[in-house]
Protein backbone atom coordinates (compact mmCIF):
# COMPACT_ATOMS: atom_id res chain seq x y z
CA ASP A 1 48.00 175.87 2.46
CA PRO A 2 46.40 175.13 5.86
CA THR A 3 46.20 178.85 6.71
CA SER A 4 44.11 179.74 3.65
CA PRO A 5 40.35 179.06 3.56
CA GLU A 6 40.64 179.19 -0.25
CA SER A 7 42.87 176.09 -0.30
CA ARG A 8 40.87 172.93 -0.59
CA PHE A 9 41.84 169.31 -1.15
CA VAL A 10 39.28 166.53 -1.52
CA ALA A 11 40.05 162.80 -1.72
CA SER A 12 37.28 160.24 -2.02
CA ILE A 13 36.68 156.55 -2.61
CA GLU A 14 33.93 155.28 -4.87
CA MET A 15 32.99 151.62 -5.29
CA ILE A 16 32.85 150.74 -9.01
CA GLU A 17 31.88 147.17 -9.88
CA GLY A 18 32.81 146.07 -6.35
CA GLU A 19 36.27 147.67 -6.40
CA PRO A 20 37.46 150.84 -4.61
CA LYS A 21 38.61 153.70 -6.87
CA VAL A 22 40.37 156.80 -5.49
CA SER A 23 39.82 160.27 -6.91
CA TRP A 24 41.14 163.62 -5.77
CA SER A 25 41.02 167.30 -6.59
CA PRO A 26 43.10 169.28 -7.31
CA ASP A 27 45.50 166.96 -9.09
CA LEU A 28 49.02 167.94 -8.06
CA ASP A 29 50.76 165.41 -10.33
CA ASP A 30 53.46 163.58 -8.38
CA ALA A 31 53.49 165.91 -5.35
CA ARG A 32 51.35 163.50 -3.32
CA VAL A 33 51.07 159.73 -2.88
CA TYR A 34 47.57 158.25 -2.52
CA LYS A 35 46.89 154.85 -0.98
CA ILE A 36 43.67 152.99 -0.30
CA LEU A 37 43.56 151.28 3.09
CA GLY A 38 41.00 148.59 3.87
CA SER A 39 39.63 147.10 7.07
CA SER A 40 37.15 144.41 8.02
CA ASP A 41 36.63 145.64 11.59
CA LEU A 42 37.72 149.34 11.65
CA LYS A 43 40.62 148.35 13.96
CA ILE A 44 43.32 147.06 11.63
CA TRP A 45 43.98 148.96 8.38
CA THR A 46 45.97 147.38 5.54
CA GLU A 47 47.01 148.77 2.16
CA VAL A 48 44.63 147.44 -0.48
CA THR A 49 46.11 145.49 -3.38
CA ASP A 50 44.48 144.04 -6.50
CA GLU A 51 44.33 140.66 -4.76
CA THR A 52 42.72 141.96 -1.54
CA LYS A 53 40.44 144.79 -2.69
CA ARG A 54 37.25 142.72 -2.49
CA SER A 55 38.10 141.43 1.02
CA TYR A 56 37.30 144.59 3.00
CA ASN A 57 34.10 146.21 4.25
CA PHE A 58 35.58 149.65 5.01
CA PHE A 59 38.01 151.88 3.12
CA LYS A 60 39.90 155.13 3.66
CA VAL A 61 42.38 157.21 1.68
CA LYS A 62 45.87 157.91 3.00
CA VAL A 63 47.58 160.92 1.43
CA GLU A 64 51.29 161.66 1.85
CA MET A 65 53.50 164.42 0.47
CA LYS A 66 56.58 163.35 -1.47
């Protein structure tokens, strides 16, 4: 609820053994879709896959409502 200061959503990325892991709170089950995007130069962002996750220097979380 963007009009309530009590509503809070936090998404973060943590590097674990060289791989990005997304976490979020509160967990709203399937109400949202979380994606990790990676970039080498902060200009072009690409969805991170298992094959590409070690190829990027920068990461961000993209959150979408279903």
